[in-house]
């Protein structure tokens, strides 16, 4: 960790609410120190009416960059100078790069997810995957997977008040990539799940179902669908092994939780800010210990 603040120390940080539970300050400040970069990373709780002024502060105070968490990943968009292709498709930003007074929004959540698949030996490029959920995390995963070359994505979600909006967004992602994407109702079209999973190399739970304290539930209605060479990924990392992952492991399937996505989205942001690779071997144990 950094031991000395100097007159040259630069700042990076996290804006959102709440932010003080985040492990990003530990992750990035440690990475800065390991790479010999004179910088620290802090978290900032802000209110909705402070988003504009917070982004102006990033410019004024010459931040290296910043991360954005809920509920402001979309709220920052009007105050940015440019967006990466992924951020534009997703309609949300989790990373801001500050350079020469200009702010560029990126979304590294999907990048982090795709990179983490290598840890369990899964390469979905040119293949089909299935997702449970169509919220922010799911959209980031879908957009990056489509951009990277995943052939087909079946998305199952409850018929909630955001269903039509999600459908429009996924149709736009499909239109701008070569990926076939369809949004299906989890309850009304559950009979299509067996075919989707039989044709998929990967099932992703991108919902909050199974998160502590409600750990004995799953968004997947039938665990008997976990068969063959299907790998199972749960973006949840508290608990480390959800009910879905437990059932998949019992059946001998490859599994992963959301810690890898968390680690690699941070690594992608770090590289955007500094041009250097995050020292993953140093940072991974810190994350796993939290």
C-alpha atoms as a PDB file:
ATOM      1  CA  UNK A   1       0.000   0.000   0.000  1.00  0.00           C
ATOM      2  CA  UNK A   2       1.054   3.627  -0.516  1.00  0.00           C
ATOM      3  CA  UNK A   3       2.958   4.992   2.501  1.00  0.00           C
ATOM      4  CA  UNK A   4       3.659   8.587   1.456  1.00  0.00           C
ATOM      5  CA  UNK A   5       1.469  11.269  -0.090  1.00  0.00           C
ATOM      6  CA  UNK A   6       3.481  13.801  -2.087  1.00  0.00           C
ATOM      7  CA  UNK A   7       2.769  17.014  -3.926  1.00  0.00           C
ATOM      8  CA  UNK A   8       2.655  14.942  -7.106  1.00  0.00           C
ATOM      9  CA  UNK A   9       0.165  12.315  -5.883  1.00  0.00           C
ATOM     10  CA  UNK A  10      -2.750  11.919  -8.293  1.00  0.00           C
ATOM     11  CA  UNK A  11      -6.279  10.912  -7.427  1.00  0.00           C
ATOM     12  CA  UNK A  12      -8.702   8.330  -8.755  1.00  0.00           C
ATOM     13  CA  UNK A  13     -11.983   7.409  -7.174  1.00  0.00           C
ATOM     14  CA  UNK A  14     -15.410   5.859  -7.100  1.00  0.00           C
ATOM     15  CA  UNK A  15     -18.647   7.843  -7.248  1.00  0.00           C
ATOM     16  CA  UNK A  16     -22.055   6.429  -6.403  1.00  0.00           C
ATOM     17  CA  UNK A  17     -24.200   5.753  -3.352  1.00  0.00           C
ATOM     18  CA  UNK A  18     -23.393   3.797  -1.302  1.00  0.00           C
ATOM     19  CA  UNK A  19     -19.668   3.390  -2.005  1.00  0.00           C
ATOM     20  CA  UNK A  20     -17.994   2.882   1.365  1.00  0.00           C
ATOM     21  CA  UNK A  21     -18.413  -0.915   1.266  1.00  0.00           C
ATOM     22  CA  UNK A  22     -16.433  -1.091  -1.998  1.00  0.00           C
ATOM     23  CA  UNK A  23     -13.133  -2.959  -2.230  1.00  0.00           C
ATOM     24  CA  UNK A  24     -12.066  -0.838  -5.217  1.00  0.00           C
ATOM     25  CA  UNK A  25      -9.988   1.571  -3.057  1.00  0.00           C
ATOM     26  CA  UNK A  26      -7.964  -1.356  -1.706  1.00  0.00           C
ATOM     27  CA  UNK A  27      -7.630  -2.931  -5.148  1.00  0.00           C
ATOM     28  CA  UNK A  28      -6.524   0.173  -7.033  1.00  0.00           C
ATOM     29  CA  UNK A  29      -4.366   1.853  -4.386  1.00  0.00           C
ATOM     30  CA  UNK A  30      -2.483  -1.439  -3.965  1.00  0.00           C
ATOM     31  CA  UNK A  31      -2.090  -1.727  -7.738  1.00  0.00           C
ATOM     32  CA  UNK A  32      -0.814   1.857  -8.001  1.00  0.00           C
ATOM     33  CA  UNK A  33       1.817   1.119  -5.340  1.00  0.00           C
ATOM     34  CA  UNK A  34       2.865  -2.173  -6.945  1.00  0.00           C
ATOM     35  CA  UNK A  35       3.342  -0.419 -10.295  1.00  0.00           C
ATOM     36  CA  UNK A  36       5.180   2.578  -8.847  1.00  0.00           C
ATOM     37  CA  UNK A  37       2.391   5.002  -9.741  1.00  0.00           C
ATOM     38  CA  UNK A  38       2.072   7.998  -7.412  1.00  0.00           C
ATOM     39  CA  UNK A  39      -1.694   7.869  -6.952  1.00  0.00           C
ATOM     40  CA  UNK A  40      -4.415   6.913  -4.494  1.00  0.00           C
ATOM     41  CA  UNK A  41      -8.032   5.841  -4.923  1.00  0.00           C
ATOM     42  CA  UNK A  42     -10.893   7.027  -2.712  1.00  0.00           C
ATOM     43  CA  UNK A  43     -14.653   6.446  -2.586  1.00  0.00           C
ATOM     44  CA  UNK A  44     -17.201   9.271  -2.702  1.00  0.00           C
ATOM     45  CA  UNK A  45     -20.887   9.044  -1.800  1.00  0.00           C
ATOM     46  CA  UNK A  46     -22.773  11.668  -3.789  1.00  0.00           C
ATOM     47  CA  UNK A  47     -26.407  12.656  -4.236  1.00  0.00           C
ATOM     48  CA  UNK A  48     -28.271  12.597  -7.544  1.00  0.00           C
ATOM     49  CA  UNK A  49     -28.136  16.378  -7.895  1.00  0.00           C
ATOM     50  CA  UNK A  50     -24.347  16.323  -7.433  1.00  0.00           C
ATOM     51  CA  UNK A  51     -23.490  14.145 -10.440  1.00  0.00           C
ATOM     52  CA  UNK A  52     -22.729  17.070 -12.752  1.00  0.00           C
ATOM     53  CA  UNK A  53     -20.516  18.831 -10.208  1.00  0.00           C
ATOM     54  CA  UNK A  54     -18.744  15.566  -9.364  1.00  0.00           C
ATOM     55  CA  UNK A  55     -17.762  15.082 -12.992  1.00  0.00           C
ATOM     56  CA  UNK A  56     -16.629  18.682 -13.206  1.00  0.00           C
ATOM     57  CA  UNK A  57     -14.442  18.013 -10.153  1.00  0.00           C
ATOM     58  CA  UNK A  58     -12.834  15.077 -11.990  1.00  0.00           C
ATOM     59  CA  UNK A  59     -11.802  17.540 -14.710  1.00  0.00           C
ATOM     60  CA  UNK A  60     -10.826  20.393 -12.394  1.00  0.00           C
ATOM     61  CA  UNK A  61      -8.790  18.314  -9.963  1.00  0.00           C
ATOM     62  CA  UNK A  62      -6.961  16.399 -12.717  1.00  0.00           C
ATOM     63  CA  UNK A  63      -8.102  12.946 -11.664  1.00  0.00           C
ATOM     64  CA  UNK A  64      -6.439  10.029 -13.404  1.00  0.00           C
ATOM     65  CA  UNK A  65      -9.933   8.692 -13.819  1.00  0.00           C
ATOM     66  CA  UNK A  66     -12.902   7.371 -11.909  1.00  0.00           C
ATOM     67  CA  UNK A  67     -15.294   4.506 -11.527  1.00  0.00           C
ATOM     68  CA  UNK A  68     -19.054   4.925 -11.384  1.00  0.00           C
ATOM     69  CA  UNK A  69     -21.375   2.611  -9.506  1.00  0.00           C
ATOM     70  CA  UNK A  70     -25.097   2.482  -8.884  1.00  0.00           C
ATOM     71  CA  UNK A  71     -27.270   4.423  -9.163  1.00  0.00           C
ATOM     72  CA  UNK A  72     -25.372   6.794 -11.482  1.00  0.00           C
ATOM     73  CA  UNK A  73     -24.034   4.603 -14.312  1.00  0.00           C
ATOM     74  CA  UNK A  74     -26.514   6.157 -16.756  1.00  0.00           C
ATOM     75  CA  UNK A  75     -26.855   9.531 -15.023  1.00  0.00           C
ATOM     76  CA  UNK A  76     -23.251  10.490 -15.904  1.00  0.00           C
ATOM     77  CA  UNK A  77     -23.792  10.117 -19.662  1.00  0.00           C
ATOM     78  CA  UNK A  78     -24.867  13.737 -20.427  1.00  0.00           C
ATOM     79  CA  UNK A  79     -21.704  15.099 -18.796  1.00  0.00           C
ATOM     80  CA  UNK A  80     -19.164  13.034 -20.742  1.00  0.00           C
ATOM     81  CA  UNK A  81     -17.329  14.077 -23.906  1.00  0.00           C
ATOM     82  CA  UNK A  82     -17.238  10.656 -25.536  1.00  0.00           C
ATOM     83  CA  UNK A  83     -18.256   7.024 -25.059  1.00  0.00           C
ATOM     84  CA  UNK A  84     -16.590   3.744 -25.962  1.00  0.00           C
ATOM     85  CA  UNK A  85     -18.523   1.434 -28.323  1.00  0.00           C
ATOM     86  CA  UNK A  86     -19.469  -0.853 -25.413  1.00  0.00           C
ATOM     87  CA  UNK A  87     -20.639   2.021 -23.213  1.00  0.00           C
ATOM     88  CA  UNK A  88     -22.737   3.399 -26.068  1.00  0.00           C
ATOM     89  CA  UNK A  89     -24.391   0.025 -26.683  1.00  0.00           C
ATOM     90  CA  UNK A  90     -25.027  -0.620 -22.994  1.00  0.00           C
ATOM     91  CA  UNK A  91     -26.171   2.915 -22.208  1.00  0.00           C
ATOM     92  CA  UNK A  92     -24.190   2.928 -18.969  1.00  0.00           C
ATOM     93  CA  UNK A  93     -20.675   3.741 -17.791  1.00  0.00           C
ATOM     94  CA  UNK A  94     -18.636   2.258 -14.966  1.00  0.00           C
ATOM     95  CA  UNK A  95     -15.254   3.781 -15.852  1.00  0.00           C
ATOM     96  CA  UNK A  96     -14.270   7.327 -16.784  1.00  0.00           C
ATOM     97  CA  UNK A  97     -10.917   8.179 -18.336  1.00  0.00           C
ATOM     98  CA  UNK A  98      -9.796  11.777 -17.822  1.00  0.00           C
ATOM     99  CA  UNK A  99      -7.287  13.095 -20.332  1.00  0.00           C
ATOM    100  CA  UNK A 100      -6.487  16.713 -21.194  1.00  0.00           C
ATOM    101  CA  UNK A 101      -9.722  17.886 -19.616  1.00  0.00           C
ATOM    102  CA  UNK A 102     -11.871  15.451 -21.628  1.00  0.00           C
ATOM    103  CA  UNK A 103     -13.888  12.666 -20.046  1.00  0.00           C
ATOM    104  CA  UNK A 104     -14.482   9.416 -21.925  1.00  0.00           C
ATOM    105  CA  UNK A 105     -16.928   6.864 -20.583  1.00  0.00           C
ATOM    106  CA  UNK A 106     -16.233   3.148 -20.791  1.00  0.00           C
ATOM    107  CA  UNK A 107     -17.975   0.067 -19.495  1.00  0.00           C
ATOM    108  CA  UNK A 108     -15.517  -2.577 -18.347  1.00  0.00           C
ATOM    109  CA  UNK A 109     -18.077  -4.850 -16.654  1.00  0.00           C
ATOM    110  CA  UNK A 110     -18.565  -6.904 -19.802  1.00  0.00           C
ATOM    111  CA  UNK A 111     -14.840  -6.902 -20.537  1.00  0.00           C
ATOM    112  CA  UNK A 112     -14.205  -8.175 -17.024  1.00  0.00           C
ATOM    113  CA  UNK A 113     -16.762 -10.923 -17.452  1.00  0.00           C
ATOM    114  CA  UNK A 114     -15.386 -12.108 -20.801  1.00  0.00           C
ATOM    115  CA  UNK A 115     -11.816 -12.119 -19.536  1.00  0.00           C
ATOM    116  CA  UNK A 116     -12.765 -14.094 -16.428  1.00  0.00           C
ATOM    117  CA  UNK A 117     -14.128 -16.969 -18.549  1.00  0.00           C
ATOM    118  CA  UNK A 118     -10.562 -18.005 -19.365  1.00  0.00           C
ATOM    119  CA  UNK A 119     -10.081 -18.871 -15.683  1.00  0.00           C
ATOM    120  CA  UNK A 120     -12.565 -21.743 -16.079  1.00  0.00           C
ATOM    121  CA  UNK A 121     -11.458 -22.684 -19.576  1.00  0.00           C
ATOM    122  CA  UNK A 122     -14.530 -21.403 -21.418  1.00  0.00           C
ATOM    123  CA  UNK A 123     -14.337 -19.743 -24.856  1.00  0.00           C
ATOM    124  CA  UNK A 124     -17.843 -18.738 -26.042  1.00  0.00           C
ATOM    125  CA  UNK A 125     -16.761 -16.988 -29.245  1.00  0.00           C
ATOM    126  CA  UNK A 126     -18.772 -18.314 -32.176  1.00  0.00           C
ATOM    127  CA  UNK A 127     -21.038 -20.257 -29.811  1.00  0.00           C
ATOM    128  CA  UNK A 128     -24.302 -19.775 -27.886  1.00  0.00           C
ATOM    129  CA  UNK A 129     -24.772 -18.683 -24.279  1.00  0.00           C
ATOM    130  CA  UNK A 130     -27.873 -18.210 -22.105  1.00  0.00           C
ATOM    131  CA  UNK A 131     -28.520 -15.619 -19.413  1.00  0.00           C
ATOM    132  CA  UNK A 132     -30.960 -15.249 -16.546  1.00  0.00           C
ATOM    133  CA  UNK A 133     -31.753 -11.558 -16.094  1.00  0.00           C
ATOM    134  CA  UNK A 134     -31.783  -8.489 -18.324  1.00  0.00           C
ATOM    135  CA  UNK A 135     -30.682  -5.718 -15.951  1.00  0.00           C
ATOM    136  CA  UNK A 136     -27.528  -3.629 -15.928  1.00  0.00           C
ATOM    137  CA  UNK A 137     -25.025  -6.440 -15.334  1.00  0.00           C
ATOM    138  CA  UNK A 138     -26.732  -8.635 -17.921  1.00  0.00           C
ATOM    139  CA  UNK A 139     -26.760  -5.864 -20.536  1.00  0.00           C
ATOM    140  CA  UNK A 140     -23.040  -5.219 -20.042  1.00  0.00           C
ATOM    141  CA  UNK A 141     -22.300  -8.920 -20.458  1.00  0.00           C
ATOM    142  CA  UNK A 142     -24.564  -9.266 -23.507  1.00  0.00           C
ATOM    143  CA  UNK A 143     -23.133  -6.208 -25.267  1.00  0.00           C
ATOM    144  CA  UNK A 144     -19.509  -7.238 -24.771  1.00  0.00           C
ATOM    145  CA  UNK A 145     -20.198 -10.852 -25.680  1.00  0.00           C
ATOM    146  CA  UNK A 146     -21.905  -9.697 -28.889  1.00  0.00           C
ATOM    147  CA  UNK A 147     -19.055  -7.329 -29.720  1.00  0.00           C
ATOM    148  CA  UNK A 148     -16.490 -10.075 -29.085  1.00  0.00           C
ATOM    149  CA  UNK A 149     -18.192 -12.551 -31.408  1.00  0.00           C
ATOM    150  CA  UNK A 150     -20.587 -14.736 -29.414  1.00  0.00           C
ATOM    151  CA  UNK A 151     -22.974 -16.154 -32.031  1.00  0.00           C
ATOM    152  CA  UNK A 152     -26.290 -16.344 -30.156  1.00  0.00           C
ATOM    153  CA  UNK A 153     -27.622 -15.252 -26.755  1.00  0.00           C
ATOM    154  CA  UNK A 154     -30.904 -16.346 -25.185  1.00  0.00           C
ATOM    155  CA  UNK A 155     -31.961 -14.060 -22.332  1.00  0.00           C
ATOM    156  CA  UNK A 156     -34.652 -15.067 -19.835  1.00  0.00           C
ATOM    157  CA  UNK A 157     -36.225 -12.458 -17.580  1.00  0.00           C
ATOM    158  CA  UNK A 158     -39.397 -11.911 -15.578  1.00  0.00           C
ATOM    159  CA  UNK A 159     -42.118  -9.867 -17.298  1.00  0.00           C
ATOM    160  CA  UNK A 160     -41.465  -6.780 -15.170  1.00  0.00           C
ATOM    161  CA  UNK A 161     -42.060  -3.106 -15.950  1.00  0.00           C
ATOM    162  CA  UNK A 162     -38.650  -2.865 -17.631  1.00  0.00           C
ATOM    163  CA  UNK A 163     -39.237  -5.801 -19.987  1.00  0.00           C
ATOM    164  CA  UNK A 164     -40.166  -3.706 -23.040  1.00  0.00           C
ATOM    165  CA  UNK A 165     -37.247  -1.328 -22.453  1.00  0.00           C
ATOM    166  CA  UNK A 166     -34.875  -4.288 -22.127  1.00  0.00           C
ATOM    167  CA  UNK A 167     -36.243  -5.767 -25.336  1.00  0.00           C
ATOM    168  CA  UNK A 168     -35.557  -2.562 -27.257  1.00  0.00           C
ATOM    169  CA  UNK A 169     -32.024  -2.333 -25.895  1.00  0.00           C
ATOM    170  CA  UNK A 170     -31.209  -5.938 -26.775  1.00  0.00           C
ATOM    171  CA  UNK A 171     -32.650  -5.501 -30.258  1.00  0.00           C
ATOM    172  CA  UNK A 172     -30.371  -2.505 -30.744  1.00  0.00           C
ATOM    173  CA  UNK A 173     -27.336  -4.499 -29.603  1.00  0.00           C
ATOM    174  CA  UNK A 174     -28.264  -7.307 -31.998  1.00  0.00           C
ATOM    175  CA  UNK A 175     -28.715  -4.846 -34.873  1.00  0.00           C
ATOM    176  CA  UNK A 176     -25.267  -3.329 -34.313  1.00  0.00           C
ATOM    177  CA  UNK A 177     -23.436  -6.649 -33.978  1.00  0.00           C
ATOM    178  CA  UNK A 178     -23.536 -10.026 -35.706  1.00  0.00           C
ATOM    179  CA  UNK A 179     -25.093 -11.682 -32.660  1.00  0.00           C
ATOM    180  CA  UNK A 180     -28.577 -13.226 -32.553  1.00  0.00           C
ATOM    181  CA  UNK A 181     -30.244 -12.122 -29.321  1.00  0.00           C
ATOM    182  CA  UNK A 182     -33.706 -12.952 -28.094  1.00  0.00           C
ATOM    183  CA  UNK A 183     -35.423 -11.929 -24.857  1.00  0.00           C
ATOM    184  CA  UNK A 184     -37.814 -14.518 -23.433  1.00  0.00           C
ATOM    185  CA  UNK A 185     -40.233 -14.447 -20.497  1.00  0.00           C
ATOM    186  CA  UNK A 186     -38.850 -16.631 -17.735  1.00  0.00           C
ATOM    187  CA  UNK A 187     -42.281 -17.851 -16.602  1.00  0.00           C
ATOM    188  CA  UNK A 188     -44.341 -17.914 -19.809  1.00  0.00           C
ATOM    189  CA  UNK A 189     -41.574 -19.328 -22.022  1.00  0.00           C
ATOM    190  CA  UNK A 190     -39.812 -21.590 -19.537  1.00  0.00           C
ATOM    191  CA  UNK A 191     -40.518 -24.530 -21.833  1.00  0.00           C
ATOM    192  CA  UNK A 192     -37.819 -23.142 -24.155  1.00  0.00           C
ATOM    193  CA  UNK A 193     -35.133 -23.308 -21.462  1.00  0.00           C
ATOM    194  CA  UNK A 194     -34.147 -26.961 -22.084  1.00  0.00           C
ATOM    195  CA  UNK A 195     -33.385 -26.232 -25.740  1.00  0.00           C
ATOM    196  CA  UNK A 196     -31.539 -23.006 -24.907  1.00  0.00           C
ATOM    197  CA  UNK A 197     -29.299 -24.697 -22.340  1.00  0.00           C
ATOM    198  CA  UNK A 198     -28.723 -27.786 -24.471  1.00  0.00           C
ATOM    199  CA  UNK A 199     -27.381 -25.515 -27.234  1.00  0.00           C
ATOM    200  CA  UNK A 200     -25.348 -23.283 -24.913  1.00  0.00           C
ATOM    201  CA  UNK A 201     -21.804 -23.639 -23.649  1.00  0.00           C
ATOM    202  CA  UNK A 202     -22.524 -21.303 -20.735  1.00  0.00           C
ATOM    203  CA  UNK A 203     -25.369 -20.298 -18.420  1.00  0.00           C
ATOM    204  CA  UNK A 204     -25.005 -16.974 -16.620  1.00  0.00           C
ATOM    205  CA  UNK A 205     -27.091 -15.864 -13.657  1.00  0.00           C
ATOM    206  CA  UNK A 206     -27.042 -12.077 -13.962  1.00  0.00           C
ATOM    207  CA  UNK A 207     -29.831 -11.541 -11.417  1.00  0.00           C
ATOM    208  CA  UNK A 208     -29.550 -10.907  -7.685  1.00  0.00           C
ATOM    209  CA  UNK A 209     -31.471 -14.095  -6.893  1.00  0.00           C
ATOM    210  CA  UNK A 210     -29.351 -16.164  -4.530  1.00  0.00           C
ATOM    211  CA  UNK A 211     -27.554 -13.209  -2.971  1.00  0.00           C
ATOM    212  CA  UNK A 212     -27.161 -13.081   0.811  1.00  0.00           C
ATOM    213  CA  UNK A 213     -29.234 -13.327   2.912  1.00  0.00           C
ATOM    214  CA  UNK A 214     -31.621 -15.231   0.560  1.00  0.00           C
ATOM    215  CA  UNK A 215     -29.049 -17.860  -0.332  1.00  0.00           C
ATOM    216  CA  UNK A 216     -31.264 -20.921  -0.686  1.00  0.00           C
ATOM    217  CA  UNK A 217     -33.046 -19.818  -3.865  1.00  0.00           C
ATOM    218  CA  UNK A 218     -32.185 -19.699  -7.558  1.00  0.00           C
ATOM    219  CA  UNK A 219     -33.473 -17.948 -10.674  1.00  0.00           C
ATOM    220  CA  UNK A 220     -33.206 -21.242 -12.565  1.00  0.00           C
ATOM    221  CA  UNK A 221     -36.535 -23.070 -12.119  1.00  0.00           C
ATOM    222  CA  UNK A 222     -35.195 -26.608 -12.607  1.00  0.00           C
ATOM    223  CA  UNK A 223     -31.707 -27.807 -11.659  1.00  0.00           C
ATOM    224  CA  UNK A 224     -32.141 -30.919 -13.823  1.00  0.00           C
ATOM    225  CA  UNK A 225     -31.452 -28.618 -16.776  1.00  0.00           C
ATOM    226  CA  UNK A 226     -27.806 -28.468 -15.641  1.00  0.00           C
ATOM    227  CA  UNK A 227     -26.386 -31.176 -17.868  1.00  0.00           C
ATOM    228  CA  UNK A 228     -23.689 -32.057 -20.360  1.00  0.00           C
ATOM    229  CA  UNK A 229     -20.831 -29.652 -20.998  1.00  0.00           C
ATOM    230  CA  UNK A 230     -22.694 -26.573 -19.801  1.00  0.00           C
ATOM    231  CA  UNK A 231     -20.614 -24.234 -17.630  1.00  0.00           C
ATOM    232  CA  UNK A 232     -22.378 -22.096 -15.015  1.00  0.00           C
ATOM    233  CA  UNK A 233     -21.389 -18.569 -13.999  1.00  0.00           C
ATOM    234  CA  UNK A 234     -23.051 -16.544 -11.248  1.00  0.00           C
ATOM    235  CA  UNK A 235     -22.253 -12.826 -11.091  1.00  0.00           C
ATOM    236  CA  UNK A 236     -23.020 -12.961  -7.342  1.00  0.00           C
ATOM    237  CA  UNK A 237     -19.975 -13.308  -5.062  1.00  0.00           C
ATOM    238  CA  UNK A 238     -21.686 -13.074  -1.667  1.00  0.00           C
ATOM    239  CA  UNK A 239     -22.026 -15.947  -0.968  1.00  0.00           C
ATOM    240  CA  UNK A 240     -19.019 -17.305  -2.852  1.00  0.00           C
ATOM    241  CA  UNK A 241     -21.061 -20.320  -3.926  1.00  0.00           C
ATOM    242  CA  UNK A 242     -24.755 -19.740  -4.559  1.00  0.00           C
ATOM    243  CA  UNK A 243     -27.359 -22.484  -4.608  1.00  0.00           C
ATOM    244  CA  UNK A 244     -27.120 -22.481  -8.417  1.00  0.00           C
ATOM    245  CA  UNK A 245     -23.358 -23.012  -8.315  1.00  0.00           C
ATOM    246  CA  UNK A 246     -23.692 -25.715  -5.663  1.00  0.00           C
ATOM    247  CA  UNK A 247     -26.113 -27.651  -7.842  1.00  0.00           C
ATOM    248  CA  UNK A 248     -23.920 -27.206 -10.922  1.00  0.00           C
ATOM    249  CA  UNK A 249     -20.815 -28.394  -9.054  1.00  0.00           C
ATOM    250  CA  UNK A 250     -22.676 -31.470  -7.772  1.00  0.00           C
ATOM    251  CA  UNK A 251     -23.302 -32.377 -11.400  1.00  0.00           C
ATOM    252  CA  UNK A 252     -19.652 -32.005 -12.330  1.00  0.00           C
ATOM    253  CA  UNK A 253     -20.039 -28.773 -14.306  1.00  0.00           C
ATOM    254  CA  UNK A 254     -17.477 -25.983 -14.486  1.00  0.00           C
ATOM    255  CA  UNK A 255     -18.506 -23.046 -12.268  1.00  0.00           C
ATOM    256  CA  UNK A 256     -17.418 -19.515 -11.420  1.00  0.00           C
ATOM    257  CA  UNK A 257     -18.707 -16.691  -9.208  1.00  0.00           C
ATOM    258  CA  UNK A 258     -18.575 -12.942  -9.760  1.00  0.00           C
ATOM    259  CA  UNK A 259     -15.198 -12.318  -8.125  1.00  0.00           C
ATOM    260  CA  UNK A 260     -13.433 -12.844 -11.440  1.00  0.00           C
ATOM    261  CA  UNK A 261     -15.669 -10.294 -13.153  1.00  0.00           C
ATOM    262  CA  UNK A 262     -14.996  -7.839 -10.310  1.00  0.00           C
ATOM    263  CA  UNK A 263     -11.247  -8.353 -10.547  1.00  0.00           C
ATOM    264  CA  UNK A 264     -10.964  -8.075 -14.312  1.00  0.00           C
ATOM    265  CA  UNK A 265     -13.321  -5.117 -14.715  1.00  0.00           C
ATOM    266  CA  UNK A 266     -11.036  -3.313 -12.264  1.00  0.00           C
ATOM    267  CA  UNK A 267      -7.973  -4.459 -14.184  1.00  0.00           C
ATOM    268  CA  UNK A 268      -9.437  -3.115 -17.432  1.00  0.00           C
ATOM    269  CA  UNK A 269     -10.157   0.249 -15.794  1.00  0.00           C
ATOM    270  CA  UNK A 270      -6.638   0.375 -14.320  1.00  0.00           C
ATOM    271  CA  UNK A 271      -5.110  -0.219 -17.745  1.00  0.00           C
ATOM    272  CA  UNK A 272      -7.277   2.476 -19.336  1.00  0.00           C
ATOM    273  CA  UNK A 273      -6.090   4.999 -16.733  1.00  0.00           C
ATOM    274  CA  UNK A 274      -2.400   4.093 -16.562  1.00  0.00           C
ATOM    275  CA  UNK A 275      -1.461   2.152 -19.690  1.00  0.00           C
ATOM    276  CA  UNK A 276      -0.090  -0.545 -17.376  1.00  0.00           C
ATOM    277  CA  UNK A 277      -1.322  -4.027 -16.563  1.00  0.00           C
ATOM    278  CA  UNK A 278      -2.801  -4.504 -13.105  1.00  0.00           C
ATOM    279  CA  UNK A 279      -0.658  -6.955 -11.072  1.00  0.00           C
ATOM    280  CA  UNK A 280      -3.382  -9.598 -10.931  1.00  0.00           C
ATOM    281  CA  UNK A 281      -1.378 -12.069  -8.833  1.00  0.00           C
ATOM    282  CA  UNK A 282      -1.028  -9.445  -6.088  1.00  0.00           C
ATOM    283  CA  UNK A 283      -4.616  -8.185  -6.234  1.00  0.00           C
ATOM    284  CA  UNK A 284      -6.559 -11.467  -6.508  1.00  0.00           C
ATOM    285  CA  UNK A 285      -5.731 -12.645  -2.941  1.00  0.00           C
ATOM    286  CA  UNK A 286      -6.878  -9.273  -1.547  1.00  0.00           C
ATOM    287  CA  UNK A 287     -10.242  -9.613  -3.239  1.00  0.00           C
ATOM    288  CA  UNK A 288     -10.699 -13.242  -2.277  1.00  0.00           C
ATOM    289  CA  UNK A 289      -9.958 -12.388   1.371  1.00  0.00           C
ATOM    290  CA  UNK A 290     -12.728  -9.782   1.608  1.00  0.00           C
END
